[in-house]
Amino acid sequence: MASNSWFLPVVLTIACVVLLINILAARNANKLLVEDIERARFEKSTSDEQFEKCNKQLQNDVAEIQGKTNRLSQLTAEVDAIVKEREDLKTKLSELQTQLTLEREQKEQALNTIQELQGKQESEAAKQEPAKADADAKPNSAAVEAPNKENEAKEAAKPADGAEEAPKAENEEKADNAAEAADKKENASAAA
């Protein structure tokens, strides 16, 4: 029995030592697990913050992209309107160029017609100059005859001149009387 007396305490001591080692190992394991949990929580909070930041940035980017898309659609509409206006202006310009070309042709035709008419007038004038020279020669002979006729008319009018001189004297006397009456009126108005 003596051998049994020390066996039980040795077994109990070994069991206590093993339990103590187990408890210490469990504590160390728990510390490691708690650290892992804290690290995981920190990583989770960090990832949540990054997720929120990325989500906000994504929303901002989506809003910016939508704004740019709207602006792009507006610019596309403006470009289409400008292209249409440009085509209209090109059409109007081509019409105006055609009209200008027609007007230039008409102007050239009118100028050519005027030049032709001037050429015809000049040629007619050149043809008429010899005729005028002939006509000028004829009036010279008529001019010589005209003074002769005037002299004859003067000689015929001389007897009538004496008859005309008496009424002229009467008219002069009347004019003198009227002038004297006007002088008297002026003197009377000056005296008043």
N, C-alpha and C. Protein backbone atom coordinates (compact mmCIF):
# COMPACT_ATOMS: atom_id res chain seq x y z
N MET A 1 0.78 -1.17 0.00
CA MET A 1 0.00 0.00 0.00
C MET A 1 0.84 1.27 0.00
N ALA A 2 1.97 1.08 0.43
CA ALA A 2 2.85 2.21 0.49
C ALA A 2 3.15 2.69 -0.91
N SER A 3 3.18 1.80 -1.84
CA SER A 3 3.45 2.22 -3.20
C SER A 3 2.23 2.93 -3.76
N ASN A 4 1.07 2.62 -3.24
CA ASN A 4 -0.14 3.30 -3.69
C ASN A 4 -0.26 4.69 -3.07
N SER A 5 0.37 4.93 -1.99
CA SER A 5 0.20 6.20 -1.31
C SER A 5 0.88 7.33 -2.07
N TRP A 6 1.95 7.09 -2.68
CA TRP A 6 2.61 8.15 -3.43
C TRP A 6 2.12 8.20 -4.86
N PHE A 7 1.46 7.14 -5.38
CA PHE A 7 1.03 7.10 -6.77
C PHE A 7 -0.09 8.10 -7.03
N LEU A 8 -1.06 8.16 -6.15
CA LEU A 8 -2.20 9.04 -6.34
C LEU A 8 -1.76 10.51 -6.28
N PRO A 9 -0.94 10.93 -5.36
CA PRO A 9 -0.54 12.32 -5.36
C PRO A 9 0.30 12.66 -6.60
N VAL A 10 1.10 11.73 -7.07
CA VAL A 10 1.92 12.00 -8.27
C VAL A 10 0.99 12.16 -9.46
N VAL A 11 -0.01 11.33 -9.56
CA VAL A 11 -0.95 11.41 -10.68
C VAL A 11 -1.74 12.71 -10.58
N LEU A 12 -2.14 13.06 -9.39
CA LEU A 12 -2.89 14.30 -9.22
C LEU A 12 -2.00 15.51 -9.54
N THR A 13 -0.73 15.44 -9.14
CA THR A 13 0.19 16.53 -9.43
C THR A 13 0.40 16.65 -10.93
N ILE A 14 0.60 15.51 -11.57
CA ILE A 14 0.80 15.53 -13.03
C ILE A 14 -0.46 16.08 -13.70
N ALA A 15 -1.62 15.69 -13.23
CA ALA A 15 -2.87 16.15 -13.80
C ALA A 15 -3.02 17.65 -13.59
N CYS A 16 -2.61 18.14 -12.41
CA CYS A 16 -2.69 19.60 -12.15
C CYS A 16 -1.73 20.35 -13.04
N VAL A 17 -0.52 19.78 -13.22
CA VAL A 17 0.46 20.44 -14.09
C VAL A 17 -0.08 20.49 -15.52
N VAL A 18 -0.64 19.38 -15.97
CA VAL A 18 -1.19 19.32 -17.33
C VAL A 18 -2.34 20.31 -17.45
N LEU A 19 -3.20 20.38 -16.44
CA LEU A 19 -4.32 21.33 -16.47
C LEU A 19 -3.81 22.77 -16.48
N LEU A 20 -2.73 23.02 -15.68
CA LEU A 20 -2.16 24.35 -15.65
C LEU A 20 -1.57 24.71 -17.01
N ILE A 21 -0.86 23.76 -17.63
CA ILE A 21 -0.30 24.00 -18.97
C ILE A 21 -1.43 24.22 -19.97
N ASN A 22 -2.47 23.47 -19.82
CA ASN A 22 -3.63 23.60 -20.72
C ASN A 22 -4.29 24.96 -20.54
N ILE A 23 -4.41 25.40 -19.30
CA ILE A 23 -5.02 26.70 -19.03
C ILE A 23 -4.16 27.82 -19.64
N LEU A 24 -2.83 27.72 -19.43
CA LEU A 24 -1.94 28.74 -19.99
C LEU A 24 -1.99 28.73 -21.53
N ALA A 25 -2.03 27.56 -22.08
CA ALA A 25 -2.10 27.46 -23.55
C ALA A 25 -3.43 28.04 -24.05
N ALA A 26 -4.52 27.78 -23.31
CA ALA A 26 -5.83 28.31 -23.70
C ALA A 26 -5.84 29.84 -23.59
N ARG A 27 -5.14 30.36 -22.57
CA ARG A 27 -5.06 31.81 -22.43
C ARG A 27 -4.30 32.42 -23.62
N ASN A 28 -3.17 31.80 -23.93
CA ASN A 28 -2.40 32.30 -25.06
C ASN A 28 -3.22 32.21 -26.36
N ALA A 29 -3.92 31.13 -26.52
CA ALA A 29 -4.75 30.96 -27.72
C ALA A 29 -5.87 32.01 -27.72
N ASN A 30 -6.46 32.24 -26.55
CA ASN A 30 -7.52 33.26 -26.47
C ASN A 30 -6.97 34.65 -26.78
N LYS A 31 -5.72 34.96 -26.26
CA LYS A 31 -5.11 36.26 -26.57
C LYS A 31 -4.90 36.41 -28.07
N LEU A 32 -4.40 35.34 -28.68
CA LEU A 32 -4.17 35.39 -30.13
C LEU A 32 -5.49 35.56 -30.88
N LEU A 33 -6.52 34.85 -30.41
CA LEU A 33 -7.82 34.96 -31.06
C LEU A 33 -8.41 36.36 -30.88
N VAL A 34 -8.24 36.93 -29.67
CA VAL A 34 -8.74 38.28 -29.43
C VAL A 34 -8.00 39.28 -30.32
N GLU A 35 -6.69 39.12 -30.45
CA GLU A 35 -5.92 40.01 -31.34
C GLU A 35 -6.38 39.86 -32.79
N ASP A 36 -6.62 38.62 -33.20
CA ASP A 36 -7.11 38.39 -34.56
C ASP A 36 -8.47 39.03 -34.77
N ILE A 37 -9.32 38.91 -33.74
CA ILE A 37 -10.65 39.52 -33.84
C ILE A 37 -10.53 41.04 -33.93
N GLU A 38 -9.67 41.63 -33.08
CA GLU A 38 -9.48 43.09 -33.12
C GLU A 38 -8.93 43.52 -34.48
N ARG A 39 -7.94 42.75 -34.98
CA ARG A 39 -7.38 43.07 -36.29
C ARG A 39 -8.45 42.96 -37.38
N ALA A 40 -9.28 41.93 -37.27
CA ALA A 40 -10.35 41.75 -38.27
C ALA A 40 -11.37 42.87 -38.17
N ARG A 41 -11.69 43.29 -36.93
CA ARG A 41 -12.62 44.39 -36.77
C ARG A 41 -12.04 45.68 -37.36
N PHE A 42 -10.75 45.94 -37.10
CA PHE A 42 -10.12 47.13 -37.61
C PHE A 42 -10.10 47.10 -39.15
N GLU A 43 -9.75 45.95 -39.69
CA GLU A 43 -9.74 45.82 -41.16
C GLU A 43 -11.14 46.00 -41.73
N LYS A 44 -12.13 45.44 -41.01
CA LYS A 44 -13.51 45.59 -41.46
C LYS A 44 -13.94 47.06 -41.44
N SER A 45 -13.60 47.78 -40.34
CA SER A 45 -13.98 49.20 -40.28
C SER A 45 -13.23 49.99 -41.36
N THR A 46 -11.97 49.66 -41.57
CA THR A 46 -11.20 50.33 -42.62
C THR A 46 -11.81 50.05 -43.99
N SER A 47 -12.14 48.80 -44.23
CA SER A 47 -12.75 48.45 -45.52
C SER A 47 -14.13 49.10 -45.67
N ASP A 48 -14.89 49.22 -44.57
CA ASP A 48 -16.18 49.91 -44.64
C ASP A 48 -16.00 51.39 -45.01
N GLU A 49 -15.00 52.02 -44.38
CA GLU A 49 -14.73 53.42 -44.70
C GLU A 49 -14.31 53.57 -46.17
N GLN A 50 -13.43 52.67 -46.60
CA GLN A 50 -13.01 52.72 -48.00
C GLN A 50 -14.20 52.45 -48.94
N PHE A 51 -15.08 51.53 -48.51
CA PHE A 51 -16.26 51.25 -49.32
C PHE A 51 -17.15 52.49 -49.43
N GLU A 52 -17.33 53.16 -48.28
CA GLU A 52 -18.14 54.38 -48.30
C GLU A 52 -17.51 55.46 -49.19
N LYS A 53 -16.18 55.63 -49.03
CA LYS A 53 -15.49 56.61 -49.87
C LYS A 53 -15.61 56.25 -51.35
N CYS A 54 -15.38 54.98 -51.64
CA CYS A 54 -15.48 54.55 -53.04
C CYS A 54 -16.91 54.69 -53.56
N ASN A 55 -17.88 54.39 -52.69
CA ASN A 55 -19.29 54.52 -53.09
C ASN A 55 -19.63 55.99 -53.37
N LYS A 56 -19.18 56.89 -52.49
CA LYS A 56 -19.41 58.32 -52.71
C LYS A 56 -18.73 58.79 -54.00
N GLN A 57 -17.47 58.36 -54.16
CA GLN A 57 -16.75 58.76 -55.37
C GLN A 57 -17.43 58.18 -56.61
N LEU A 58 -17.93 56.96 -56.49
CA LEU A 58 -18.65 56.35 -57.61
C LEU A 58 -19.91 57.15 -57.94
N GLN A 59 -20.64 57.55 -56.91
CA GLN A 59 -21.84 58.36 -57.14
C GLN A 59 -21.49 59.71 -57.77
N ASN A 60 -20.40 60.32 -57.26
CA ASN A 60 -19.95 61.58 -57.85
C ASN A 60 -19.55 61.38 -59.32
N ASP A 61 -18.82 60.30 -59.56
CA ASP A 61 -18.39 60.02 -60.94
C ASP A 61 -19.59 59.75 -61.84
N VAL A 62 -20.57 59.02 -61.31
CA VAL A 62 -21.78 58.74 -62.10
C VAL A 62 -22.51 60.05 -62.39
N ALA A 63 -22.63 60.93 -61.38
CA ALA A 63 -23.29 62.22 -61.59
C ALA A 63 -22.51 63.06 -62.61
N GLU A 64 -21.18 63.05 -62.49
CA GLU A 64 -20.35 63.80 -63.44
C GLU A 64 -20.49 63.23 -64.84
N ILE A 65 -20.51 61.90 -64.94
CA ILE A 65 -20.66 61.26 -66.25
C ILE A 65 -22.03 61.59 -66.84
N GLN A 66 -23.06 61.59 -65.99
CA GLN A 66 -24.39 61.96 -66.48
C GLN A 66 -24.42 63.41 -66.95
N GLY A 67 -23.77 64.30 -66.16
CA GLY A 67 -23.69 65.71 -66.58
C GLY A 67 -22.94 65.85 -67.90
N LYS A 68 -21.83 65.11 -68.03
CA LYS A 68 -21.07 65.17 -69.27
C LYS A 68 -21.86 64.57 -70.42
N THR A 69 -22.62 63.51 -70.11
CA THR A 69 -23.46 62.91 -71.15
C THR A 69 -24.53 63.90 -71.62
N ASN A 70 -25.15 64.58 -70.65
CA ASN A 70 -26.15 65.60 -71.00
C ASN A 70 -25.50 66.73 -71.81
N ARG A 71 -24.33 67.17 -71.36
CA ARG A 71 -23.62 68.24 -72.08
C ARG A 71 -23.24 67.76 -73.48
N LEU A 72 -22.82 66.50 -73.57
CA LEU A 72 -22.45 65.95 -74.87
C LEU A 72 -23.66 65.90 -75.80
N SER A 73 -24.82 65.51 -75.24
CA SER A 73 -26.02 65.47 -76.07
C SER A 73 -26.41 66.89 -76.52
N GLN A 74 -26.26 67.88 -75.60
CA GLN A 74 -26.53 69.28 -75.97
C GLN A 74 -25.58 69.74 -77.06
N LEU A 75 -24.29 69.42 -76.88
CA LEU A 75 -23.30 69.82 -77.89
C LEU A 75 -23.57 69.14 -79.22
N THR A 76 -23.98 67.87 -79.15
CA THR A 76 -24.31 67.16 -80.39
C THR A 76 -25.49 67.83 -81.09
N ALA A 77 -26.50 68.22 -80.30
CA ALA A 77 -27.65 68.92 -80.88
C ALA A 77 -27.21 70.26 -81.47
N GLU A 78 -26.33 70.99 -80.76
CA GLU A 78 -25.84 72.27 -81.28
C GLU A 78 -25.04 72.07 -82.55
N VAL A 79 -24.19 71.03 -82.56
CA VAL A 79 -23.39 70.75 -83.76
C VAL A 79 -24.31 70.40 -84.93
N ASP A 80 -25.34 69.61 -84.65
CA ASP A 80 -26.29 69.27 -85.71
C ASP A 80 -26.98 70.53 -86.24
N ALA A 81 -27.38 71.41 -85.31
CA ALA A 81 -28.03 72.67 -85.73
C ALA A 81 -27.06 73.53 -86.54
N ILE A 82 -25.81 73.59 -86.09
CA ILE A 82 -24.80 74.39 -86.82
C ILE A 82 -24.54 73.78 -88.19
N VAL A 83 -24.47 72.45 -88.26
CA VAL A 83 -24.24 71.79 -89.55
C VAL A 83 -25.41 72.08 -90.49
N LYS A 84 -26.63 72.01 -89.95
CA LYS A 84 -27.81 72.30 -90.78
C LYS A 84 -27.78 73.75 -91.25
N GLU A 85 -27.46 74.67 -90.32
CA GLU A 85 -27.37 76.08 -90.68
C GLU A 85 -26.27 76.31 -91.72
N ARG A 86 -25.16 75.61 -91.54
CA ARG A 86 -24.05 75.72 -92.50
C ARG A 86 -24.48 75.25 -93.88
N GLU A 87 -25.22 74.14 -93.91
CA GLU A 87 -25.70 73.64 -95.21
C GLU A 87 -26.68 74.63 -95.83
N ASP A 88 -27.55 75.22 -94.99
CA ASP A 88 -28.48 76.24 -95.49
C ASP A 88 -27.71 77.44 -96.06
N LEU A 89 -26.67 77.86 -95.30
CA LEU A 89 -25.87 78.99 -95.77
C LEU A 89 -25.13 78.65 -97.07
N LYS A 90 -24.65 77.40 -97.17
CA LYS A 90 -23.99 76.98 -98.41
C LYS A 90 -24.97 77.03 -99.57
N THR A 91 -26.20 76.56 -99.31
CA THR A 91 -27.22 76.58 -100.36
C THR A 91 -27.51 78.03 -100.77
N LYS A 92 -27.71 78.91 -99.77
CA LYS A 92 -27.97 80.32 -100.07
C LYS A 92 -26.80 80.95 -100.80
N LEU A 93 -25.57 80.60 -100.36
CA LEU A 93 -24.38 81.14 -101.00
C LEU A 93 -24.29 80.70 -102.45
N SER A 94 -24.58 79.43 -102.70
CA SER A 94 -24.54 78.95 -104.09
C SER A 94 -25.62 79.64 -104.92
N GLU A 95 -26.81 79.84 -104.31
CA GLU A 95 -27.87 80.55 -105.04
C GLU A 95 -27.44 81.99 -105.34
N LEU A 96 -26.84 82.65 -104.33
CA LEU A 96 -26.39 84.03 -104.53
C LEU A 96 -25.28 84.10 -105.57
N GLN A 97 -24.38 83.10 -105.56
CA GLN A 97 -23.32 83.08 -106.55
C GLN A 97 -23.88 82.87 -107.94
N THR A 98 -24.89 82.00 -108.03
CA THR A 98 -25.54 81.79 -109.33
C THR A 98 -26.21 83.07 -109.79
N GLN A 99 -26.93 83.72 -108.87
CA GLN A 99 -27.61 84.97 -109.20
C GLN A 99 -26.60 86.04 -109.59
N LEU A 100 -25.48 86.12 -108.85
CA LEU A 100 -24.44 87.09 -109.16
C LEU A 100 -23.84 86.82 -110.53
N THR A 101 -23.63 85.54 -110.84
CA THR A 101 -23.09 85.18 -112.15
C THR A 101 -24.06 85.60 -113.25
N LEU A 102 -25.37 85.35 -113.04
CA LEU A 102 -26.36 85.75 -114.02
C LEU A 102 -26.38 87.27 -114.18
N GLU A 103 -26.33 88.00 -113.05
CA GLU A 103 -26.34 89.46 -113.13
C GLU A 103 -25.10 89.99 -113.83
N ARG A 104 -23.94 89.34 -113.59
CA ARG A 104 -22.72 89.76 -114.28
C ARG A 104 -22.85 89.52 -115.77
N GLU A 105 -23.42 88.36 -116.12
CA GLU A 105 -23.61 88.08 -117.55
C GLU A 105 -24.55 89.10 -118.18
N GLN A 106 -25.65 89.42 -117.44
CA GLN A 106 -26.59 90.42 -117.95
C GLN A 106 -25.91 91.79 -118.07
N LYS A 107 -25.08 92.12 -117.09
CA LYS A 107 -24.36 93.40 -117.13
C LYS A 107 -23.41 93.43 -118.32
N GLU A 108 -22.69 92.32 -118.52
CA GLU A 108 -21.78 92.26 -119.66
C GLU A 108 -22.54 92.37 -120.98
N GLN A 109 -23.69 91.68 -121.04
CA GLN A 109 -24.50 91.78 -122.26
C GLN A 109 -24.99 93.22 -122.46
N ALA A 110 -25.42 93.86 -121.37
CA ALA A 110 -25.88 95.25 -121.47
C ALA A 110 -24.74 96.16 -121.91
N LEU A 111 -23.56 95.96 -121.33
CA LEU A 111 -22.40 96.76 -121.72
C LEU A 111 -22.05 96.54 -123.19
N ASN A 112 -22.11 95.27 -123.60
CA ASN A 112 -21.83 94.97 -125.01
C ASN A 112 -22.86 95.65 -125.92
N THR A 113 -24.14 95.59 -125.49
CA THR A 113 -25.20 96.23 -126.27
C THR A 113 -24.97 97.74 -126.34
N ILE A 114 -24.61 98.33 -125.18
CA ILE A 114 -24.35 99.78 -125.16
C ILE A 114 -23.17 100.12 -126.07
N GLN A 115 -22.12 99.30 -126.00
CA GLN A 115 -20.97 99.55 -126.85
C GLN A 115 -21.33 99.42 -128.33
N GLU A 116 -22.16 98.43 -128.63
CA GLU A 116 -22.60 98.27 -130.01
C GLU A 116 -23.41 99.49 -130.46
N LEU A 117 -24.33 99.95 -129.57
CA LEU A 117 -25.13 101.12 -129.91
C LEU A 117 -24.27 102.36 -130.07
N GLN A 118 -23.27 102.52 -129.19
CA GLN A 118 -22.37 103.66 -129.32
C GLN A 118 -21.59 103.58 -130.62
N GLY A 119 -21.16 102.35 -130.95
CA GLY A 119 -20.44 102.17 -132.22
C GLY A 119 -21.33 102.53 -133.40
N LYS A 120 -22.60 102.09 -133.34
CA LYS A 120 -23.53 102.43 -134.41
C LYS A 120 -23.75 103.93 -134.48
N GLN A 121 -23.92 104.59 -133.31
CA GLN A 121 -24.14 106.03 -133.29
C GLN A 121 -22.93 106.77 -133.86
N GLU A 122 -21.74 106.28 -133.49
CA GLU A 122 -20.53 106.93 -134.01
C GLU A 122 -20.44 106.76 -135.52
N SER A 123 -20.78 105.56 -135.98
CA SER A 123 -20.71 105.34 -137.44
C SER A 123 -21.77 106.20 -138.14
N GLU A 124 -22.97 106.31 -137.54
CA GLU A 124 -24.01 107.17 -138.12
C GLU A 124 -23.58 108.63 -138.10
N ALA A 125 -22.93 109.03 -136.97
CA ALA A 125 -22.46 110.41 -136.88
C ALA A 125 -21.39 110.68 -137.93
N ALA A 126 -20.54 109.67 -138.15
CA ALA A 126 -19.50 109.84 -139.16
C ALA A 126 -20.14 109.95 -140.55
N LYS A 127 -21.22 109.22 -140.76
CA LYS A 127 -21.91 109.29 -142.05
C LYS A 127 -22.62 110.64 -142.20
N GLN A 128 -23.13 111.18 -141.08
CA GLN A 128 -23.89 112.42 -141.14
C GLN A 128 -23.00 113.65 -141.26
N GLU A 129 -21.73 113.55 -140.86
CA GLU A 129 -20.82 114.69 -140.94
C GLU A 129 -20.66 115.21 -142.37
N PRO A 130 -20.47 114.33 -143.36
CA PRO A 130 -20.38 114.87 -144.73
C PRO A 130 -21.68 115.56 -145.14
N ALA A 131 -22.82 115.01 -144.68
CA ALA A 131 -24.11 115.62 -145.03
C ALA A 131 -24.22 116.99 -144.38
N LYS A 132 -23.74 117.15 -143.15
CA LYS A 132 -23.78 118.43 -142.46
C LYS A 132 -22.88 119.43 -143.16
N ALA A 133 -21.73 118.93 -143.61
CA ALA A 133 -20.80 119.84 -144.32
C ALA A 133 -21.48 120.37 -145.59
N ASP A 134 -22.22 119.49 -146.25
CA ASP A 134 -22.96 119.94 -147.44
C ASP A 134 -24.03 120.95 -147.03
N ALA A 135 -24.73 120.67 -145.92
CA ALA A 135 -25.80 121.55 -145.45
C ALA A 135 -25.22 122.89 -145.01
N ASP A 136 -24.03 122.87 -144.41
CA ASP A 136 -23.39 124.12 -143.99
C ASP A 136 -23.02 124.97 -145.21
N ALA A 137 -22.62 124.34 -146.27
CA ALA A 137 -22.24 125.09 -147.47
C ALA A 137 -23.47 125.77 -148.06
N LYS A 138 -24.62 125.15 -148.02
CA LYS A 138 -25.84 125.73 -148.57
C LYS A 138 -26.30 126.94 -147.78
N PRO A 139 -26.27 126.94 -146.42
CA PRO A 139 -26.69 128.13 -145.70
C PRO A 139 -25.81 129.33 -145.99
N ASN A 140 -24.55 129.15 -146.35
CA ASN A 140 -23.70 130.31 -146.66
C ASN A 140 -24.25 131.06 -147.87
N SER A 141 -24.70 130.31 -148.84
CA SER A 141 -25.29 130.99 -150.02
C SER A 141 -26.60 131.65 -149.62
N ALA A 142 -27.34 131.02 -148.69
CA ALA A 142 -28.60 131.61 -148.22
C ALA A 142 -28.30 132.83 -147.37
N ALA A 143 -27.20 132.83 -146.64
CA ALA A 143 -26.83 133.97 -145.80
C ALA A 143 -26.49 135.18 -146.65
N VAL A 144 -25.92 134.95 -147.80
CA VAL A 144 -25.61 136.07 -148.69
C VAL A 144 -26.90 136.67 -149.23
N GLU A 145 -27.87 135.80 -149.50
CA GLU A 145 -29.13 136.28 -150.04
C GLU A 145 -29.95 136.99 -148.96
N ALA A 146 -29.84 136.53 -147.67
CA ALA A 146 -30.63 137.11 -146.59
C ALA A 146 -30.31 138.58 -146.35
N PRO A 147 -29.04 139.04 -146.31
CA PRO A 147 -28.80 140.47 -146.10
C PRO A 147 -29.36 141.33 -147.23
N ASN A 148 -29.35 140.78 -148.40
CA ASN A 148 -29.93 141.56 -149.50
C ASN A 148 -31.41 141.79 -149.27
N LYS A 149 -32.10 140.77 -148.80
CA LYS A 149 -33.54 140.89 -148.54
C LYS A 149 -33.78 141.85 -147.39
N GLU A 150 -32.90 141.82 -146.35
CA GLU A 150 -33.07 142.73 -145.21
C GLU A 150 -32.91 144.18 -145.65
N ASN A 151 -31.94 144.40 -146.50
CA ASN A 151 -31.75 145.79 -147.01
C ASN A 151 -32.97 146.26 -147.75
N GLU A 152 -33.56 145.41 -148.52
CA GLU A 152 -34.77 145.79 -149.25
C GLU A 152 -35.90 146.11 -148.29
N ALA A 153 -36.02 145.30 -147.19
CA ALA A 153 -37.09 145.52 -146.22
C ALA A 153 -36.88 146.85 -145.50
N LYS A 154 -35.64 147.19 -145.19
CA LYS A 154 -35.35 148.46 -144.50
C LYS A 154 -35.73 149.65 -145.38
N GLU A 155 -35.40 149.54 -146.63
CA GLU A 155 -35.71 150.66 -147.53
C GLU A 155 -37.22 150.84 -147.65
N ALA A 156 -37.94 149.72 -147.61
CA ALA A 156 -39.39 149.81 -147.72
C ALA A 156 -39.98 150.38 -146.44
N ALA A 157 -39.33 150.15 -145.29
CA ALA A 157 -39.86 150.59 -144.00
C ALA A 157 -39.51 152.04 -143.71
N LYS A 158 -38.62 152.71 -144.43
CA LYS A 158 -38.20 154.07 -144.14
C LYS A 158 -39.35 155.06 -144.21
N PRO A 159 -40.23 155.03 -145.15
CA PRO A 159 -41.31 156.01 -145.13
C PRO A 159 -42.19 155.84 -143.92
N ALA A 160 -42.31 154.67 -143.40
CA ALA A 160 -43.17 154.44 -142.24
C ALA A 160 -42.49 154.94 -140.99
N ASP A 161 -41.18 155.11 -140.97
CA ASP A 161 -40.46 155.56 -139.78
C ASP A 161 -40.87 156.97 -139.41
N GLY A 162 -41.10 157.83 -140.31
CA GLY A 162 -41.51 159.20 -140.03
C GLY A 162 -42.84 159.23 -139.32
N ALA A 163 -43.72 158.33 -139.69
CA ALA A 163 -45.04 158.27 -139.06
C ALA A 163 -44.93 157.76 -137.64
N GLU A 164 -43.94 156.93 -137.39
CA GLU A 164 -43.78 156.36 -136.05
C GLU A 164 -43.13 157.36 -135.12
N GLU A 165 -42.40 158.37 -135.62
CA GLU A 165 -41.68 159.30 -134.77
C GLU A 165 -42.64 160.19 -133.99
N ALA A 166 -43.79 160.55 -134.53
CA ALA A 166 -44.75 161.41 -133.83
C ALA A 166 -45.30 160.71 -132.59
N PRO A 167 -45.76 159.49 -132.66
CA PRO A 167 -46.23 158.84 -131.43
C PRO A 167 -45.13 158.67 -130.41
N LYS A 168 -43.88 158.50 -130.86
CA LYS A 168 -42.78 158.34 -129.90
C LYS A 168 -42.61 159.61 -129.10
N ALA A 169 -42.74 160.78 -129.70
CA ALA A 169 -42.59 162.06 -129.00
C ALA A 169 -43.70 162.22 -127.97
N GLU A 170 -44.90 161.82 -128.35
CA GLU A 170 -46.02 161.92 -127.40
C GLU A 170 -45.77 161.00 -126.20
N ASN A 171 -45.27 159.83 -126.46
CA ASN A 171 -44.99 158.88 -125.36
C ASN A 171 -43.91 159.42 -124.44
N GLU A 172 -42.92 160.10 -124.97
CA GLU A 172 -41.84 160.66 -124.16
C GLU A 172 -42.39 161.76 -123.27
N GLU A 173 -43.30 162.60 -123.77
CA GLU A 173 -43.89 163.67 -122.97
C GLU A 173 -44.69 163.10 -121.82
N LYS A 174 -45.43 162.05 -122.10
CA LYS A 174 -46.23 161.42 -121.03
C LYS A 174 -45.32 160.85 -119.95
N ALA A 175 -44.21 160.24 -120.35
CA ALA A 175 -43.27 159.67 -119.38
C ALA A 175 -42.67 160.78 -118.53
N ASP A 176 -42.34 161.95 -119.13
CA ASP A 176 -41.79 163.06 -118.37
C ASP A 176 -42.81 163.56 -117.35
N ASN A 177 -44.07 163.70 -117.76
CA ASN A 177 -45.13 164.14 -116.85
C ASN A 177 -45.29 163.18 -115.68
N ALA A 178 -45.22 161.89 -115.94
CA ALA A 178 -45.37 160.88 -114.87
C ALA A 178 -44.20 160.97 -113.92
N ALA A 179 -42.99 161.23 -114.43
CA ALA A 179 -41.81 161.32 -113.58
C ALA A 179 -41.92 162.54 -112.67
N GLU A 180 -42.42 163.68 -113.20
CA GLU A 180 -42.58 164.88 -112.39
C GLU A 180 -43.60 164.67 -111.29
N ALA A 181 -44.69 163.95 -111.62
CA ALA A 181 -45.73 163.68 -110.60
C ALA A 181 -45.16 162.80 -109.49
N ALA A 182 -44.33 161.85 -109.85
CA ALA A 182 -43.73 160.97 -108.85
C ALA A 182 -42.77 161.75 -107.95
N ASP A 183 -42.03 162.72 -108.54
CA ASP A 183 -41.11 163.55 -107.75
C ASP A 183 -41.88 164.41 -106.76
N LYS A 184 -43.03 164.95 -107.19
CA LYS A 184 -43.84 165.77 -106.30
C LYS A 184 -44.36 164.95 -105.11
N LYS A 185 -44.78 163.70 -105.38
CA LYS A 185 -45.29 162.86 -104.29
C LYS A 185 -44.18 162.54 -103.29
N GLU A 186 -42.99 162.31 -103.77
CA GLU A 186 -41.86 162.01 -102.89
C GLU A 186 -41.53 163.23 -102.02
N ASN A 187 -41.56 164.41 -102.64
CA ASN A 187 -41.27 165.62 -101.87
C ASN A 187 -42.34 165.85 -100.82
N ALA A 188 -43.61 165.58 -101.15
CA ALA A 188 -44.71 165.78 -100.19
C ALA A 188 -44.57 164.79 -99.02
N SER A 189 -44.20 163.58 -99.33
CA SER A 189 -44.07 162.58 -98.25
C SER A 189 -42.87 162.90 -97.38
N ALA A 190 -41.80 163.47 -97.98
CA ALA A 190 -40.59 163.84 -97.23
C ALA A 190 -40.91 165.03 -96.32
N ALA A 191 -41.74 166.00 -96.80
CA ALA A 191 -42.09 167.17 -96.00
C ALA A 191 -42.99 166.78 -94.83
N ALA A 192 -43.83 165.79 -95.02
CA ALA A 192 -44.74 165.38 -93.96
C ALA A 192 -43.94 164.67 -92.90
